[in-house]
Every structure is written in structure tokens, then in C-alpha cells.
């Protein structure tokens, strides 16, 4: 139990729905592209199906995790803002993972280097991680100054 007695429950919100729909659409587009690849090059499409399917399972688990903040590894004395930021960050990661799956599938379809999507993912992920860490640091700093 939290020392702050924060009983955090997450309900359906527009933000959550938007992240879920965007993630689903990106994965669906990736699957459609896999089917197009299957008709042209069956050996390359099999790896893309595995990659997209694995990513889809991971995205579903991450999006479900956003509804259960008690499972996060957040210290008990953290303010509520840290839980909110963590939920938002988890949803951002789900969208980024879906985008990464689509990027890798597209790069493979266009015979481009698969490292390009990874570099793009890193360029987007690092500022998102920095934002999350800043919000957590700011929330903890403001909660400790109130004591």
C-alpha cells in the first residue's frame, strides 16, 4: 500500500483509446504489408509475420499494463503525478513499438536497411524517455518540498 494512500484506478479515457486505435492501425497496416510481401517474396514475408505478430503481442500486453498501475515499479512514496506520467509513457511506448514494426516491415518491403527504422525509433524514444524522467523528477521534487 502506498504511504500516500493513493488508490490509483485507470478508467477508459480518450487518450487511452487514441493510443490503442493508433497502435492497432499501425500494426494492421504492417500486417497488410506483410500479406503484400507474401505474394511477392514468401521467404522474406515469414520473418515479417513473426516480427509483426511478436510486436502485436507485446503492444497488447503493454496497453493492458497501462490499466494496472499497481504493477509498475514505482516507489510507494511517489506522488500521483508519477503514476499518471508512467501510464502516459507506457502508452507512448506502445505506439512507438507499433510504429517500429511498421517501419521495419516497410524498410524490408522497399529493400532498405533495417537499421534506419531503429535509428528513427531511438531518435523519437530518447526525448520521450527524457520527458518521462523529467516529469518524475519534477513531481518528486515538488512533493518533497511540500513536506
N, C-alpha and C. Protein backbone atom coordinates (compact mmCIF):
# COMPACT_ATOMS: atom_id res chain seq x y z
N UNK A 1 0.84 -1.19 0.00
CA UNK A 1 0.00 0.00 0.00
C UNK A 1 0.88 1.24 0.00
N UNK A 2 0.45 2.25 -0.65
CA UNK A 2 1.21 3.48 -0.72
C UNK A 2 1.19 4.21 0.61
N UNK A 3 2.29 4.86 0.93
CA UNK A 3 2.34 5.70 2.12
C UNK A 3 1.46 6.93 1.95
N UNK A 4 1.26 7.33 0.69
CA UNK A 4 0.40 8.48 0.40
C UNK A 4 -1.06 8.08 0.29
N UNK A 5 -1.37 6.82 0.48
CA UNK A 5 -2.73 6.29 0.36
C UNK A 5 -3.33 6.59 -1.01
N UNK A 6 -2.52 6.47 -2.03
CA UNK A 6 -3.02 6.68 -3.39
C UNK A 6 -3.59 5.36 -3.88
N UNK A 7 -4.88 5.33 -4.08
CA UNK A 7 -5.54 4.16 -4.64
C UNK A 7 -5.85 4.49 -6.09
N UNK A 8 -4.93 4.18 -6.96
CA UNK A 8 -4.99 4.60 -8.34
C UNK A 8 -5.75 3.60 -9.18
N UNK A 9 -6.80 4.05 -9.83
CA UNK A 9 -7.54 3.22 -10.77
C UNK A 9 -7.58 3.93 -12.11
N UNK A 10 -7.37 3.19 -13.17
CA UNK A 10 -7.36 3.77 -14.50
C UNK A 10 -8.62 3.31 -15.22
N UNK A 11 -9.33 4.29 -15.73
CA UNK A 11 -10.54 4.00 -16.49
C UNK A 11 -10.29 4.37 -17.95
N UNK A 12 -11.22 4.04 -18.79
CA UNK A 12 -11.11 4.35 -20.21
C UNK A 12 -11.16 5.86 -20.41
N UNK A 13 -10.17 6.36 -21.15
CA UNK A 13 -10.09 7.78 -21.46
C UNK A 13 -9.91 7.96 -22.96
N UNK A 14 -10.07 9.19 -23.41
CA UNK A 14 -9.84 9.47 -24.83
C UNK A 14 -8.39 9.19 -25.19
N UNK A 15 -7.49 9.59 -24.30
CA UNK A 15 -6.06 9.38 -24.56
C UNK A 15 -5.74 7.89 -24.72
N UNK A 16 -6.27 7.07 -23.83
CA UNK A 16 -6.04 5.63 -23.91
C UNK A 16 -6.63 5.04 -25.17
N UNK A 17 -7.83 5.46 -25.51
CA UNK A 17 -8.49 4.96 -26.71
C UNK A 17 -7.71 5.36 -27.96
N UNK A 18 -7.24 6.60 -28.00
CA UNK A 18 -6.48 7.06 -29.16
C UNK A 18 -5.20 6.25 -29.31
N UNK A 19 -4.50 6.02 -28.21
CA UNK A 19 -3.25 5.23 -28.28
C UNK A 19 -3.54 3.80 -28.73
N UNK A 20 -4.63 3.22 -28.25
CA UNK A 20 -4.97 1.86 -28.63
C UNK A 20 -5.35 1.78 -30.11
N UNK A 21 -6.12 2.74 -30.60
CA UNK A 21 -6.54 2.74 -32.00
C UNK A 21 -5.34 2.98 -32.92
N UNK A 22 -4.49 3.94 -32.56
CA UNK A 22 -3.32 4.23 -33.39
C UNK A 22 -2.39 3.01 -33.43
N UNK A 23 -2.16 2.40 -32.29
CA UNK A 23 -1.31 1.20 -32.26
C UNK A 23 -1.90 0.09 -33.11
N UNK A 24 -3.19 -0.12 -32.99
CA UNK A 24 -3.86 -1.15 -33.78
C UNK A 24 -3.79 -0.88 -35.27
N UNK A 25 -4.01 0.37 -35.66
CA UNK A 25 -3.94 0.71 -37.08
C UNK A 25 -2.54 0.53 -37.64
N UNK A 26 -1.53 0.94 -36.88
CA UNK A 26 -0.15 0.76 -37.35
C UNK A 26 0.19 -0.71 -37.52
N UNK A 27 -0.24 -1.54 -36.58
CA UNK A 27 0.02 -2.98 -36.70
C UNK A 27 -0.78 -3.60 -37.83
N UNK A 28 -2.00 -3.13 -38.04
CA UNK A 28 -2.82 -3.63 -39.14
C UNK A 28 -2.19 -3.29 -40.49
N UNK A 29 -1.69 -2.08 -40.63
CA UNK A 29 -1.01 -1.68 -41.86
C UNK A 29 0.23 -2.54 -42.07
N UNK A 30 0.95 -2.80 -40.98
CA UNK A 30 2.13 -3.66 -41.06
C UNK A 30 1.75 -5.07 -41.52
N UNK A 31 0.64 -5.61 -41.00
CA UNK A 31 0.18 -6.94 -41.43
C UNK A 31 -0.25 -6.95 -42.89
N UNK A 32 -0.91 -5.90 -43.32
CA UNK A 32 -1.32 -5.81 -44.73
C UNK A 32 -0.09 -5.79 -45.62
N UNK A 33 0.91 -5.04 -45.20
CA UNK A 33 2.15 -5.00 -45.97
C UNK A 33 2.83 -6.37 -45.98
N UNK A 34 2.71 -7.11 -44.88
CA UNK A 34 3.26 -8.48 -44.85
C UNK A 34 2.55 -9.37 -45.86
N UNK A 35 1.22 -9.23 -45.95
CA UNK A 35 0.47 -10.03 -46.94
C UNK A 35 0.87 -9.66 -48.36
N UNK A 36 1.13 -8.38 -48.62
CA UNK A 36 1.59 -7.97 -49.94
C UNK A 36 2.96 -8.58 -50.22
N UNK A 37 3.83 -8.57 -49.20
CA UNK A 37 5.16 -9.18 -49.35
C UNK A 37 5.05 -10.68 -49.58
N UNK A 38 4.07 -11.31 -48.95
CA UNK A 38 3.88 -12.76 -49.09
C UNK A 38 3.61 -13.14 -50.54
N UNK A 39 2.85 -12.31 -51.24
CA UNK A 39 2.56 -12.63 -52.65
C UNK A 39 3.78 -12.41 -53.54
N UNK A 40 4.72 -11.57 -53.09
CA UNK A 40 5.89 -11.28 -53.92
C UNK A 40 7.12 -12.11 -53.52
N UNK A 41 7.43 -12.12 -52.25
CA UNK A 41 8.60 -12.87 -51.75
C UNK A 41 8.22 -13.62 -50.48
N UNK A 42 7.79 -14.87 -50.60
CA UNK A 42 7.33 -15.62 -49.43
C UNK A 42 8.38 -15.81 -48.34
N UNK A 43 9.66 -15.94 -48.71
CA UNK A 43 10.68 -16.19 -47.69
C UNK A 43 10.91 -14.96 -46.80
N UNK A 44 10.82 -13.77 -47.36
CA UNK A 44 11.00 -12.55 -46.56
C UNK A 44 9.79 -12.22 -45.73
N UNK A 45 8.62 -12.60 -46.22
CA UNK A 45 7.38 -12.28 -45.53
C UNK A 45 7.22 -13.09 -44.24
N UNK A 46 7.74 -14.30 -44.20
CA UNK A 46 7.60 -15.13 -43.00
C UNK A 46 8.26 -14.47 -41.80
N UNK A 47 9.45 -13.92 -41.99
CA UNK A 47 10.13 -13.22 -40.89
C UNK A 47 9.35 -11.99 -40.46
N UNK A 48 8.76 -11.31 -41.41
CA UNK A 48 8.00 -10.10 -41.08
C UNK A 48 6.71 -10.43 -40.33
N UNK A 49 6.07 -11.57 -40.68
CA UNK A 49 4.90 -12.01 -39.93
C UNK A 49 5.26 -12.31 -38.47
N UNK A 50 6.39 -12.96 -38.28
CA UNK A 50 6.83 -13.27 -36.92
C UNK A 50 7.12 -11.99 -36.15
N UNK A 51 7.81 -11.07 -36.79
CA UNK A 51 8.15 -9.80 -36.15
C UNK A 51 6.90 -8.99 -35.82
N UNK A 52 5.98 -8.90 -36.76
CA UNK A 52 4.76 -8.13 -36.52
C UNK A 52 3.88 -8.80 -35.47
N UNK A 53 3.78 -10.12 -35.51
CA UNK A 53 2.98 -10.84 -34.51
C UNK A 53 3.55 -10.71 -33.11
N UNK A 54 4.86 -10.81 -33.00
CA UNK A 54 5.51 -10.66 -31.70
C UNK A 54 5.32 -9.24 -31.17
N UNK A 55 5.47 -8.28 -32.04
CA UNK A 55 5.27 -6.89 -31.64
C UNK A 55 3.82 -6.65 -31.23
N UNK A 56 2.89 -7.23 -31.95
CA UNK A 56 1.46 -7.07 -31.61
C UNK A 56 1.17 -7.62 -30.22
N UNK A 57 1.72 -8.78 -29.91
CA UNK A 57 1.52 -9.35 -28.57
C UNK A 57 2.11 -8.43 -27.50
N UNK A 58 3.30 -7.92 -27.76
CA UNK A 58 3.93 -7.00 -26.82
C UNK A 58 3.14 -5.72 -26.64
N UNK A 59 2.62 -5.18 -27.73
CA UNK A 59 1.84 -3.94 -27.65
C UNK A 59 0.56 -4.17 -26.86
N UNK A 60 -0.11 -5.29 -27.10
CA UNK A 60 -1.34 -5.59 -26.35
C UNK A 60 -1.04 -5.71 -24.86
N UNK A 61 0.04 -6.39 -24.52
CA UNK A 61 0.41 -6.52 -23.11
C UNK A 61 0.75 -5.16 -22.49
N UNK A 62 1.46 -4.34 -23.22
CA UNK A 62 1.82 -3.02 -22.70
C UNK A 62 0.58 -2.16 -22.51
N UNK A 63 -0.33 -2.19 -23.48
CA UNK A 63 -1.55 -1.39 -23.35
C UNK A 63 -2.43 -1.89 -22.21
N UNK A 64 -2.45 -3.20 -21.98
CA UNK A 64 -3.20 -3.73 -20.83
C UNK A 64 -2.54 -3.33 -19.52
N UNK A 65 -1.22 -3.30 -19.52
CA UNK A 65 -0.49 -2.92 -18.33
C UNK A 65 -0.80 -1.49 -17.90
N UNK A 66 -1.11 -0.64 -18.85
CA UNK A 66 -1.44 0.76 -18.53
C UNK A 66 -2.68 0.87 -17.64
N UNK A 67 -3.53 -0.14 -17.65
CA UNK A 67 -4.73 -0.10 -16.83
C UNK A 67 -4.51 -0.65 -15.42
N UNK A 68 -3.31 -1.13 -15.14
CA UNK A 68 -2.99 -1.69 -13.82
C UNK A 68 -1.73 -1.03 -13.25
N UNK A 69 -1.84 0.21 -12.80
CA UNK A 69 -0.65 0.93 -12.34
C UNK A 69 -0.01 0.35 -11.08
N UNK A 70 -0.70 -0.51 -10.37
CA UNK A 70 -0.11 -1.12 -9.18
C UNK A 70 1.03 -2.08 -9.56
N UNK A 71 1.05 -2.51 -10.83
CA UNK A 71 2.11 -3.42 -11.27
C UNK A 71 3.38 -2.68 -11.66
N UNK A 72 3.33 -1.35 -11.74
CA UNK A 72 4.51 -0.58 -12.10
C UNK A 72 5.51 -0.60 -10.96
N UNK A 73 6.75 -0.48 -11.30
CA UNK A 73 7.81 -0.44 -10.30
C UNK A 73 8.04 1.02 -9.88
N UNK A 74 7.01 1.61 -9.29
CA UNK A 74 7.06 2.99 -8.82
C UNK A 74 7.15 2.94 -7.30
N UNK A 75 8.07 3.69 -6.71
CA UNK A 75 8.19 3.68 -5.25
C UNK A 75 6.89 4.08 -4.56
N UNK A 76 6.66 3.51 -3.39
CA UNK A 76 5.41 3.76 -2.67
C UNK A 76 5.21 5.22 -2.28
N UNK A 77 6.29 5.95 -2.06
CA UNK A 77 6.14 7.34 -1.63
C UNK A 77 6.04 8.32 -2.80
N UNK A 78 5.85 7.82 -4.00
CA UNK A 78 5.76 8.68 -5.18
C UNK A 78 4.41 9.39 -5.22
N UNK A 79 4.40 10.63 -5.70
CA UNK A 79 3.13 11.34 -5.85
C UNK A 79 2.31 10.79 -7.02
N UNK A 80 1.07 11.18 -7.07
CA UNK A 80 0.15 10.69 -8.11
C UNK A 80 0.62 11.08 -9.51
N UNK A 81 1.30 12.21 -9.64
CA UNK A 81 1.77 12.65 -10.95
C UNK A 81 2.73 11.64 -11.58
N UNK A 82 3.47 10.92 -10.75
CA UNK A 82 4.40 9.91 -11.28
C UNK A 82 3.61 8.76 -11.89
N UNK A 83 2.51 8.37 -11.26
CA UNK A 83 1.68 7.30 -11.81
C UNK A 83 1.06 7.75 -13.14
N UNK A 84 0.59 8.98 -13.19
CA UNK A 84 -0.01 9.50 -14.42
C UNK A 84 1.04 9.53 -15.54
N UNK A 85 2.23 10.02 -15.22
CA UNK A 85 3.29 10.08 -16.22
C UNK A 85 3.69 8.68 -16.68
N UNK A 86 3.71 7.72 -15.76
CA UNK A 86 4.09 6.35 -16.11
C UNK A 86 3.05 5.73 -17.04
N UNK A 87 1.79 5.95 -16.76
CA UNK A 87 0.73 5.43 -17.62
C UNK A 87 0.85 6.04 -19.01
N UNK A 88 1.07 7.34 -19.06
CA UNK A 88 1.20 8.02 -20.36
C UNK A 88 2.43 7.51 -21.11
N UNK A 89 3.54 7.32 -20.41
CA UNK A 89 4.76 6.84 -21.04
C UNK A 89 4.60 5.42 -21.58
N UNK A 90 3.91 4.58 -20.83
CA UNK A 90 3.67 3.21 -21.28
C UNK A 90 2.85 3.22 -22.57
N UNK A 91 1.89 4.10 -22.66
CA UNK A 91 1.09 4.20 -23.89
C UNK A 91 1.92 4.73 -25.05
N UNK A 92 2.80 5.68 -24.78
CA UNK A 92 3.68 6.21 -25.82
C UNK A 92 4.59 5.10 -26.34
N UNK A 93 5.12 4.29 -25.44
CA UNK A 93 5.99 3.18 -25.84
C UNK A 93 5.22 2.20 -26.73
N UNK A 94 3.96 1.94 -26.41
CA UNK A 94 3.15 1.03 -27.24
C UNK A 94 3.00 1.57 -28.66
N UNK A 95 2.72 2.86 -28.78
CA UNK A 95 2.59 3.46 -30.11
C UNK A 95 3.92 3.42 -30.84
N UNK A 96 5.01 3.70 -30.13
CA UNK A 96 6.33 3.67 -30.76
C UNK A 96 6.71 2.27 -31.21
N UNK A 97 6.37 1.26 -30.43
CA UNK A 97 6.64 -0.12 -30.84
C UNK A 97 5.86 -0.48 -32.10
N UNK A 98 4.62 -0.06 -32.17
CA UNK A 98 3.81 -0.32 -33.37
C UNK A 98 4.40 0.39 -34.58
N UNK A 99 4.83 1.62 -34.37
CA UNK A 99 5.46 2.38 -35.45
C UNK A 99 6.77 1.72 -35.88
N UNK A 100 7.51 1.19 -34.93
CA UNK A 100 8.75 0.49 -35.25
C UNK A 100 8.48 -0.76 -36.09
N UNK A 101 7.44 -1.51 -35.74
CA UNK A 101 7.08 -2.71 -36.52
C UNK A 101 6.73 -2.33 -37.95
N UNK A 102 5.95 -1.27 -38.10
CA UNK A 102 5.59 -0.81 -39.45
C UNK A 102 6.82 -0.32 -40.21
N UNK A 103 7.69 0.38 -39.53
CA UNK A 103 8.90 0.90 -40.18
C UNK A 103 9.80 -0.23 -40.66
N UNK A 104 9.98 -1.24 -39.82
CA UNK A 104 10.85 -2.36 -40.22
C UNK A 104 10.23 -3.13 -41.38
N UNK A 105 8.93 -3.34 -41.34
CA UNK A 105 8.25 -4.04 -42.43
C UNK A 105 8.35 -3.24 -43.72
N UNK A 106 8.15 -1.93 -43.63
CA UNK A 106 8.25 -1.07 -44.81
C UNK A 106 9.67 -1.06 -45.36
N UNK A 107 10.66 -0.97 -44.47
CA UNK A 107 12.05 -0.98 -44.92
C UNK A 107 12.39 -2.30 -45.60
N UNK A 108 11.90 -3.39 -45.06
CA UNK A 108 12.15 -4.69 -45.67
C UNK A 108 11.45 -4.79 -47.02
N UNK A 109 10.23 -4.30 -47.11
CA UNK A 109 9.48 -4.32 -48.36
C UNK A 109 10.18 -3.50 -49.44
N UNK A 110 10.74 -2.36 -49.05
CA UNK A 110 11.41 -1.48 -50.01
C UNK A 110 12.89 -1.81 -50.18
N UNK A 111 13.33 -2.89 -49.54
CA UNK A 111 14.73 -3.35 -49.60
C UNK A 111 15.70 -2.29 -49.09
N UNK A 112 15.31 -1.60 -48.03
CA UNK A 112 16.18 -0.63 -47.38
C UNK A 112 16.85 -1.28 -46.18
N UNK A 113 17.80 -0.58 -45.62
CA UNK A 113 18.49 -1.10 -44.44
C UNK A 113 17.55 -1.12 -43.24
N UNK A 114 17.46 -2.24 -42.52
CA UNK A 114 16.58 -2.30 -41.35
C UNK A 114 17.10 -1.48 -40.16
N UNK A 115 18.33 -0.95 -40.27
CA UNK A 115 18.83 -0.11 -39.17
C UNK A 115 18.23 1.29 -39.20
N UNK A 116 17.75 1.73 -40.37
CA UNK A 116 17.13 3.05 -40.46
C UNK A 116 15.94 3.20 -39.51
N UNK A 117 15.01 2.24 -39.47
CA UNK A 117 13.90 2.36 -38.52
C UNK A 117 14.37 2.36 -37.07
N UNK A 118 15.40 1.60 -36.77
CA UNK A 118 15.90 1.55 -35.39
C UNK A 118 16.49 2.89 -34.98
N UNK A 119 17.20 3.53 -35.88
CA UNK A 119 17.75 4.85 -35.60
C UNK A 119 16.61 5.85 -35.39
N UNK A 120 15.60 5.78 -36.26
CA UNK A 120 14.44 6.65 -36.10
C UNK A 120 13.72 6.42 -34.79
N UNK A 121 13.60 5.15 -34.41
CA UNK A 121 12.97 4.81 -33.13
C UNK A 121 13.76 5.42 -31.98
N UNK A 122 15.07 5.31 -32.04
CA UNK A 122 15.92 5.87 -30.98
C UNK A 122 15.79 7.38 -30.90
N UNK A 123 15.72 8.03 -32.07
CA UNK A 123 15.60 9.49 -32.09
C UNK A 123 14.29 9.94 -31.45
N UNK A 124 13.23 9.15 -31.62
CA UNK A 124 11.94 9.51 -31.01
C UNK A 124 11.88 9.05 -29.56
N UNK A 125 12.44 7.87 -29.26
CA UNK A 125 12.31 7.29 -27.92
C UNK A 125 13.12 8.06 -26.88
N UNK A 126 14.30 8.51 -27.22
CA UNK A 126 15.16 9.20 -26.24
C UNK A 126 14.49 10.47 -25.70
N UNK A 127 13.92 11.35 -26.53
CA UNK A 127 13.22 12.51 -25.95
C UNK A 127 11.99 12.11 -25.13
N UNK A 128 11.29 11.05 -25.54
CA UNK A 128 10.14 10.60 -24.75
C UNK A 128 10.59 10.11 -23.38
N UNK A 129 11.68 9.38 -23.34
CA UNK A 129 12.23 8.91 -22.07
C UNK A 129 12.72 10.09 -21.22
N UNK A 130 13.35 11.06 -21.86
CA UNK A 130 13.82 12.25 -21.14
C UNK A 130 12.63 13.01 -20.55
N UNK A 131 11.54 13.13 -21.32
CA UNK A 131 10.33 13.79 -20.81
C UNK A 131 9.81 13.05 -19.58
N UNK A 132 9.72 11.74 -19.67
CA UNK A 132 9.20 10.94 -18.55
C UNK A 132 10.06 11.11 -17.31
N UNK A 133 11.36 11.01 -17.47
CA UNK A 133 12.26 11.16 -16.33
C UNK A 133 12.18 12.56 -15.73
N UNK A 134 12.04 13.57 -16.58
CA UNK A 134 11.90 14.95 -16.09
C UNK A 134 10.61 15.12 -15.31
N UNK A 135 9.52 14.60 -15.81
CA UNK A 135 8.24 14.72 -15.11
C UNK A 135 8.30 14.02 -13.76
N UNK A 136 8.89 12.83 -13.72
CA UNK A 136 9.02 12.11 -12.45
C UNK A 136 9.90 12.87 -11.48
N UNK A 137 11.02 13.40 -11.96
CA UNK A 137 11.93 14.16 -11.10
C UNK A 137 11.24 15.41 -10.56
N UNK A 138 10.51 16.12 -11.43
CA UNK A 138 9.81 17.35 -11.03
C UNK A 138 8.71 17.04 -10.00
N UNK A 139 7.98 15.95 -10.22
CA UNK A 139 6.90 15.59 -9.30
C UNK A 139 7.46 15.20 -7.93
N UNK A 140 8.53 14.44 -7.92
CA UNK A 140 9.13 14.03 -6.64
C UNK A 140 9.75 15.22 -5.93
N UNK A 141 10.35 16.13 -6.69
CA UNK A 141 10.96 17.32 -6.09
C UNK A 141 9.90 18.21 -5.46
N UNK A 142 8.79 18.37 -6.16
CA UNK A 142 7.73 19.23 -5.62
C UNK A 142 7.03 18.57 -4.43
N UNK A 143 6.92 17.25 -4.43
CA UNK A 143 6.28 16.57 -3.28
C UNK A 143 7.18 16.61 -2.06
N UNK A 144 8.50 16.55 -2.24
CA UNK A 144 9.40 16.60 -1.11
C UNK A 144 9.52 18.01 -0.56
N UNK A 145 9.34 19.02 -1.41
CA UNK A 145 9.41 20.39 -0.92
C UNK A 145 8.18 20.78 -0.11
N UNK A 146 7.07 20.05 -0.32
CA UNK A 146 5.83 20.33 0.43
C UNK A 146 5.92 19.78 1.84
N UNK A 147 6.82 18.83 2.07
CA UNK A 147 6.93 18.20 3.39
C UNK A 147 7.60 19.08 4.34
